[in-house]
Amino acid sequence: MRFFVGHDYAPNGREIKFETTIGEEKKGNKMLRAETTLDEFKALRDGRDATLQAPRLLIPSLQV
């Protein structure tokens, strides 16, 4: 099954990705692995969020 993501900021210059599968995400996305516990997910998310600025397209999106 294909899933279309709502955003992608092409980190480290990689090609923009707008489509994925759950299988791909379970293999490559450390936050979505089946064995990740809720507490681990929260710690990963909180740690990552603390390093991020507001999304580049946030203001234009809100204006629309």
PDB file of N, CA and C in Angstrom:
ATOM      1  N   MET A   1       0.842  -1.171   0.000  1.00  0.00           N
ATOM      2  CA  MET A   1       0.000   0.000   0.000  1.00  0.00           C
ATOM      3  C   MET A   1       0.893   1.242   0.000  1.00  0.00           C
ATOM      4  N   ARG A   2       0.546   2.215  -0.787  1.00  0.00           N
ATOM      5  CA  ARG A   2       1.321   3.462  -0.878  1.00  0.00           C
ATOM      6  C   ARG A   2       0.722   4.519   0.039  1.00  0.00           C
ATOM      7  N   PHE A   3       1.604   5.295   0.659  1.00  0.00           N
ATOM      8  CA  PHE A   3       1.191   6.415   1.496  1.00  0.00           C
ATOM      9  C   PHE A   3       1.878   7.669   0.994  1.00  0.00           C
ATOM     10  N   PHE A   4       1.133   8.746   0.933  1.00  0.00           N
ATOM     11  CA  PHE A   4       1.667  10.020   0.480  1.00  0.00           C
ATOM     12  C   PHE A   4       1.844  10.919   1.691  1.00  0.00           C
ATOM     13  N   VAL A   5       3.074  11.360   1.901  1.00  0.00           N
ATOM     14  CA  VAL A   5       3.373  12.181   3.073  1.00  0.00           C
ATOM     15  C   VAL A   5       3.007  13.632   2.801  1.00  0.00           C
ATOM     16  N   GLY A   6       2.675  14.343   3.852  1.00  0.00           N
ATOM     17  CA  GLY A   6       2.240  15.726   3.721  1.00  0.00           C
ATOM     18  C   GLY A   6       3.371  16.731   3.704  1.00  0.00           C
ATOM     19  N   HIS A   7       4.596  16.275   3.951  1.00  0.00           N
ATOM     20  CA  HIS A   7       5.731  17.197   3.967  1.00  0.00           C
ATOM     21  C   HIS A   7       7.027  16.419   3.818  1.00  0.00           C
ATOM     22  N   ASP A   8       8.022  17.091   3.320  1.00  0.00           N
ATOM     23  CA  ASP A   8       9.381  16.548   3.260  1.00  0.00           C
ATOM     24  C   ASP A   8      10.307  17.710   2.960  1.00  0.00           C
ATOM     25  N   TYR A   9      11.315  17.862   3.776  1.00  0.00           N
ATOM     26  CA  TYR A   9      12.236  18.973   3.610  1.00  0.00           C
ATOM     27  C   TYR A   9      13.584  18.535   3.044  1.00  0.00           C
ATOM     28  N   ALA A  10      13.656  17.343   2.472  1.00  0.00           N
ATOM     29  CA  ALA A  10      14.847  16.827   1.799  1.00  0.00           C
ATOM     30  C   ALA A  10      16.110  17.032   2.631  1.00  0.00           C
ATOM     31  N   PRO A  11      16.198  16.384   3.801  1.00  0.00           N
ATOM     32  CA  PRO A  11      17.360  16.586   4.661  1.00  0.00           C
ATOM     33  C   PRO A  11      18.663  16.162   3.992  1.00  0.00           C
ATOM     34  N   ASN A  12      19.712  16.914   4.287  1.00  0.00           N
ATOM     35  CA  ASN A  12      21.064  16.625   3.767  1.00  0.00           C
ATOM     36  C   ASN A  12      21.118  16.561   2.250  1.00  0.00           C
ATOM     37  N   GLY A  13      20.215  17.277   1.596  1.00  0.00           N
ATOM     38  CA  GLY A  13      20.240  17.376   0.147  1.00  0.00           C
ATOM     39  C   GLY A  13      19.705  16.171  -0.618  1.00  0.00           C
ATOM     40  N   ARG A  14      19.089  15.212   0.097  1.00  0.00           N
ATOM     41  CA  ARG A  14      18.552  14.069  -0.624  1.00  0.00           C
ATOM     42  C   ARG A  14      17.323  14.495  -1.420  1.00  0.00           C
ATOM     43  N   GLU A  15      16.951  13.676  -2.383  1.00  0.00           N
ATOM     44  CA  GLU A  15      15.797  13.973  -3.218  1.00  0.00           C
ATOM     45  C   GLU A  15      14.524  14.046  -2.375  1.00  0.00           C
ATOM     46  N   ILE A  16      13.617  14.956  -2.721  1.00  0.00           N
ATOM     47  CA  ILE A  16      12.349  15.091  -1.999  1.00  0.00           C
ATOM     48  C   ILE A  16      11.552  13.803  -2.156  1.00  0.00           C
ATOM     49  N   LYS A  17      10.986  13.347  -1.059  1.00  0.00           N
ATOM     50  CA  LYS A  17      10.223  12.104  -1.053  1.00  0.00           C
ATOM     51  C   LYS A  17       8.779  12.421  -0.657  1.00  0.00           C
ATOM     52  N   PHE A  18       7.843  12.087  -1.515  1.00  0.00           N
ATOM     53  CA  PHE A  18       6.431  12.374  -1.237  1.00  0.00           C
ATOM     54  C   PHE A  18       5.596  11.112  -1.066  1.00  0.00           C
ATOM     55  N   GLU A  19       6.237   9.952  -1.280  1.00  0.00           N
ATOM     56  CA  GLU A  19       5.516   8.689  -1.215  1.00  0.00           C
ATOM     57  C   GLU A  19       6.363   7.660  -0.469  1.00  0.00           C
ATOM     58  N   THR A  20       5.713   6.790   0.305  1.00  0.00           N
ATOM     59  CA  THR A  20       6.413   5.758   1.052  1.00  0.00           C
ATOM     60  C   THR A  20       5.466   4.594   1.287  1.00  0.00           C
ATOM     61  N   THR A  21       5.971   3.576   1.964  1.00  0.00           N
ATOM     62  CA  THR A  21       5.128   2.469   2.402  1.00  0.00           C
ATOM     63  C   THR A  21       5.392   2.245   3.886  1.00  0.00           C
ATOM     64  N   ILE A  22       4.484   1.592   4.560  1.00  0.00           N
ATOM     65  CA  ILE A  22       4.692   1.291   5.982  1.00  0.00           C
ATOM     66  C   ILE A  22       5.929   0.406   6.135  1.00  0.00           C
ATOM     67  N   GLY A  23       6.104  -0.552   5.220  1.00  0.00           N
ATOM     68  CA  GLY A  23       7.278  -1.425   5.261  1.00  0.00           C
ATOM     69  C   GLY A  23       8.583  -0.650   5.180  1.00  0.00           C
ATOM     70  N   GLU A  24       8.647   0.325   4.263  1.00  0.00           N
ATOM     71  CA  GLU A  24       9.853   1.154   4.145  1.00  0.00           C
ATOM     72  C   GLU A  24      10.106   1.929   5.431  1.00  0.00           C
ATOM     73  N   GLU A  25       9.059   2.464   6.006  1.00  0.00           N
ATOM     74  CA  GLU A  25       9.217   3.264   7.220  1.00  0.00           C
ATOM     75  C   GLU A  25       9.636   2.403   8.407  1.00  0.00           C
ATOM     76  N   LYS A  26       9.102   1.198   8.496  1.00  0.00           N
ATOM     77  CA  LYS A  26       9.496   0.297   9.590  1.00  0.00           C
ATOM     78  C   LYS A  26      10.959  -0.093   9.480  1.00  0.00           C
ATOM     79  N   LYS A  27      11.476  -0.164   8.263  1.00  0.00           N
ATOM     80  CA  LYS A  27      12.881  -0.513   8.053  1.00  0.00           C
ATOM     81  C   LYS A  27      13.804   0.675   8.314  1.00  0.00           C
ATOM     82  N   GLY A  28      13.412   1.858   7.887  1.00  0.00           N
ATOM     83  CA  GLY A  28      14.344   2.982   7.899  1.00  0.00           C
ATOM     84  C   GLY A  28      14.024   4.132   8.830  1.00  0.00           C
ATOM     85  N   ASN A  29      12.850   4.138   9.445  1.00  0.00           N
ATOM     86  CA  ASN A  29      12.465   5.256  10.296  1.00  0.00           C
ATOM     87  C   ASN A  29      12.496   4.788  11.751  1.00  0.00           C
ATOM     88  N   LYS A  30      13.502   5.225  12.492  1.00  0.00           N
ATOM     89  CA  LYS A  30      13.671   4.721  13.864  1.00  0.00           C
ATOM     90  C   LYS A  30      12.498   5.065  14.773  1.00  0.00           C
ATOM     91  N   MET A  31      11.683   6.018  14.395  1.00  0.00           N
ATOM     92  CA  MET A  31      10.540   6.374  15.235  1.00  0.00           C
ATOM     93  C   MET A  31       9.316   5.519  14.958  1.00  0.00           C
ATOM     94  N   LEU A  32       9.338   4.750  13.885  1.00  0.00           N
ATOM     95  CA  LEU A  32       8.159   3.963  13.519  1.00  0.00           C
ATOM     96  C   LEU A  32       8.383   2.458  13.551  1.00  0.00           C
ATOM     97  N   ARG A  33       9.482   2.015  14.108  1.00  0.00           N
ATOM     98  CA  ARG A  33       9.736   0.574  14.168  1.00  0.00           C
ATOM     99  C   ARG A  33       8.752  -0.096  15.124  1.00  0.00           C
ATOM    100  N   ALA A  34       8.356  -1.299  14.789  1.00  0.00           N
ATOM    101  CA  ALA A  34       7.383  -2.031  15.597  1.00  0.00           C
ATOM    102  C   ALA A  34       7.868  -2.244  17.020  1.00  0.00           C
ATOM    103  N   GLU A  35       9.168  -2.419  17.216  1.00  0.00           N
ATOM    104  CA  GLU A  35       9.700  -2.688  18.550  1.00  0.00           C
ATOM    105  C   GLU A  35       9.929  -1.431  19.401  1.00  0.00           C
ATOM    106  N   THR A  36       9.730  -0.252  18.832  1.00  0.00           N
ATOM    107  CA  THR A  36       9.905   0.985  19.590  1.00  0.00           C
ATOM    108  C   THR A  36       8.747   1.148  20.573  1.00  0.00           C
ATOM    109  N   THR A  37       9.076   1.293  21.850  1.00  0.00           N
ATOM    110  CA  THR A  37       8.035   1.469  22.864  1.00  0.00           C
ATOM    111  C   THR A  37       7.541   2.910  22.852  1.00  0.00           C
ATOM    112  N   LEU A  38       6.424   3.148  23.485  1.00  0.00           N
ATOM    113  CA  LEU A  38       5.884   4.498  23.569  1.00  0.00           C
ATOM    114  C   LEU A  38       6.864   5.429  24.275  1.00  0.00           C
ATOM    115  N   ASP A  39       7.473   4.971  25.363  1.00  0.00           N
ATOM    116  CA  ASP A  39       8.439   5.805  26.076  1.00  0.00           C
ATOM    117  C   ASP A  39       9.656   6.122  25.208  1.00  0.00           C
ATOM    118  N   GLU A  40      10.132   5.140  24.450  1.00  0.00           N
ATOM    119  CA  GLU A  40      11.257   5.382  23.538  1.00  0.00           C
ATOM    120  C   GLU A  40      10.862   6.371  22.453  1.00  0.00           C
ATOM    121  N   PHE A  41       9.649   6.204  21.915  1.00  0.00           N
ATOM    122  CA  PHE A  41       9.164   7.128  20.889  1.00  0.00           C
ATOM    123  C   PHE A  41       9.114   8.554  21.431  1.00  0.00           C
ATOM    124  N   LYS A  42       8.563   8.719  22.619  1.00  0.00           N
ATOM    125  CA  LYS A  42       8.476  10.053  23.219  1.00  0.00           C
ATOM    126  C   LYS A  42       9.851  10.665  23.405  1.00  0.00           C
ATOM    127  N   ALA A  43      10.813   9.870  23.891  1.00  0.00           N
ATOM    128  CA  ALA A  43      12.174  10.380  24.098  1.00  0.00           C
ATOM    129  C   ALA A  43      12.814  10.769  22.763  1.00  0.00           C
ATOM    130  N   LEU A  44      12.657   9.931  21.744  1.00  0.00           N
ATOM    131  CA  LEU A  44      13.194  10.253  20.427  1.00  0.00           C
ATOM    132  C   LEU A  44      12.562  11.520  19.863  1.00  0.00           C
ATOM    133  N   ARG A  45      11.243  11.609  19.972  1.00  0.00           N
ATOM    134  CA  ARG A  45      10.519  12.758  19.423  1.00  0.00           C
ATOM    135  C   ARG A  45      10.885  14.047  20.153  1.00  0.00           C
ATOM    136  N   ASP A  46      10.895  13.987  21.479  1.00  0.00           N
ATOM    137  CA  ASP A  46      11.245  15.175  22.263  1.00  0.00           C
ATOM    138  C   ASP A  46      12.671  15.626  21.967  1.00  0.00           C
ATOM    139  N   GLY A  47      13.594  14.658  21.872  1.00  0.00           N
ATOM    140  CA  GLY A  47      14.979  14.992  21.562  1.00  0.00           C
ATOM    141  C   GLY A  47      15.123  15.620  20.192  1.00  0.00           C
ATOM    142  N   ARG A  48      14.458  15.063  19.219  1.00  0.00           N
ATOM    143  CA  ARG A  48      14.525  15.609  17.848  1.00  0.00           C
ATOM    144  C   ARG A  48      13.856  16.973  17.774  1.00  0.00           C
ATOM    145  N   ASP A  49      12.681  17.099  18.359  1.00  0.00           N
ATOM    146  CA  ASP A  49      11.956  18.373  18.301  1.00  0.00           C
ATOM    147  C   ASP A  49      12.750  19.512  18.928  1.00  0.00           C
ATOM    148  N   ALA A  50      13.530  19.204  19.960  1.00  0.00           N
ATOM    149  CA  ALA A  50      14.311  20.237  20.639  1.00  0.00           C
ATOM    150  C   ALA A  50      15.399  20.818  19.734  1.00  0.00           C
ATOM    151  N   THR A  51      15.762  20.117  18.668  1.00  0.00           N
ATOM    152  CA  THR A  51      16.822  20.589  17.773  1.00  0.00           C
ATOM    153  C   THR A  51      16.284  21.306  16.543  1.00  0.00           C
ATOM    154  N   LEU A  52      14.973  21.313  16.374  1.00  0.00           N
ATOM    155  CA  LEU A  52      14.376  21.844  15.144  1.00  0.00           C
ATOM    156  C   LEU A  52      13.855  23.266  15.304  1.00  0.00           C
ATOM    157  N   GLN A  53      13.979  24.015  14.231  1.00  0.00           N
ATOM    158  CA  GLN A  53      13.329  25.325  14.157  1.00  0.00           C
ATOM    159  C   GLN A  53      11.923  25.114  13.602  1.00  0.00           C
ATOM    160  N   ALA A  54      11.158  26.172  13.561  1.00  0.00           N
ATOM    161  CA  ALA A  54       9.821  26.082  12.955  1.00  0.00           C
ATOM    162  C   ALA A  54       9.979  25.650  11.497  1.00  0.00           C
ATOM    163  N   PRO A  55       9.069  24.832  10.985  1.00  0.00           N
ATOM    164  CA  PRO A  55       9.153  24.405   9.586  1.00  0.00           C
ATOM    165  C   PRO A  55       9.212  25.593   8.632  1.00  0.00           C
ATOM    166  N   ARG A  56      10.024  25.449   7.600  1.00  0.00           N
ATOM    167  CA  ARG A  56      10.268  26.530   6.636  1.00  0.00           C
ATOM    168  C   ARG A  56       8.971  27.034   6.001  1.00  0.00           C
ATOM    169  N   LEU A  57       8.007  26.161   5.799  1.00  0.00           N
ATOM    170  CA  LEU A  57       6.774  26.560   5.103  1.00  0.00           C
ATOM    171  C   LEU A  57       5.588  26.735   6.057  1.00  0.00           C
ATOM    172  N   LEU A  58       5.864  26.859   7.338  1.00  0.00           N
ATOM    173  CA  LEU A  58       4.775  26.966   8.321  1.00  0.00           C
ATOM    174  C   LEU A  58       3.911  28.203   8.097  1.00  0.00           C
ATOM    175  N   ILE A  59       4.519  29.363   8.019  1.00  0.00           N
ATOM    176  CA  ILE A  59       3.753  30.612   7.885  1.00  0.00           C
ATOM    177  C   ILE A  59       2.950  30.637   6.579  1.00  0.00           C
ATOM    178  N   PRO A  60       3.547  30.315   5.425  1.00  0.00           N
ATOM    179  CA  PRO A  60       2.726  30.292   4.211  1.00  0.00           C
ATOM    180  C   PRO A  60       1.569  29.309   4.299  1.00  0.00           C
ATOM    181  N   SER A  61       1.793  28.171   4.947  1.00  0.00           N
ATOM    182  CA  SER A  61       0.719  27.181   5.089  1.00  0.00           C
ATOM    183  C   SER A  61      -0.423  27.720   5.931  1.00  0.00           C
ATOM    184  N   LEU A  62      -0.089  28.401   7.005  1.00  0.00           N
ATOM    185  CA  LEU A  62      -1.121  28.954   7.886  1.00  0.00           C
ATOM    186  C   LEU A  62      -1.880  30.085   7.211  1.00  0.00           C
ATOM    187  N   GLN A  63      -1.212  30.821   6.353  1.00  0.00           N
ATOM    188  CA  GLN A  63      -1.872  31.930   5.663  1.00  0.00           C
ATOM    189  C   GLN A  63      -2.915  31.450   4.677  1.00  0.00           C
ATOM    190  N   VAL A  64      -2.688  30.290   4.105  1.00  0.00           N
ATOM    191  CA  VAL A  64      -3.630  29.746   3.134  1.00  0.00           C
ATOM    192  C   VAL A  64      -4.875  29.308   3.864  1.00  0.00           C
TER     193      VAL A  64
END
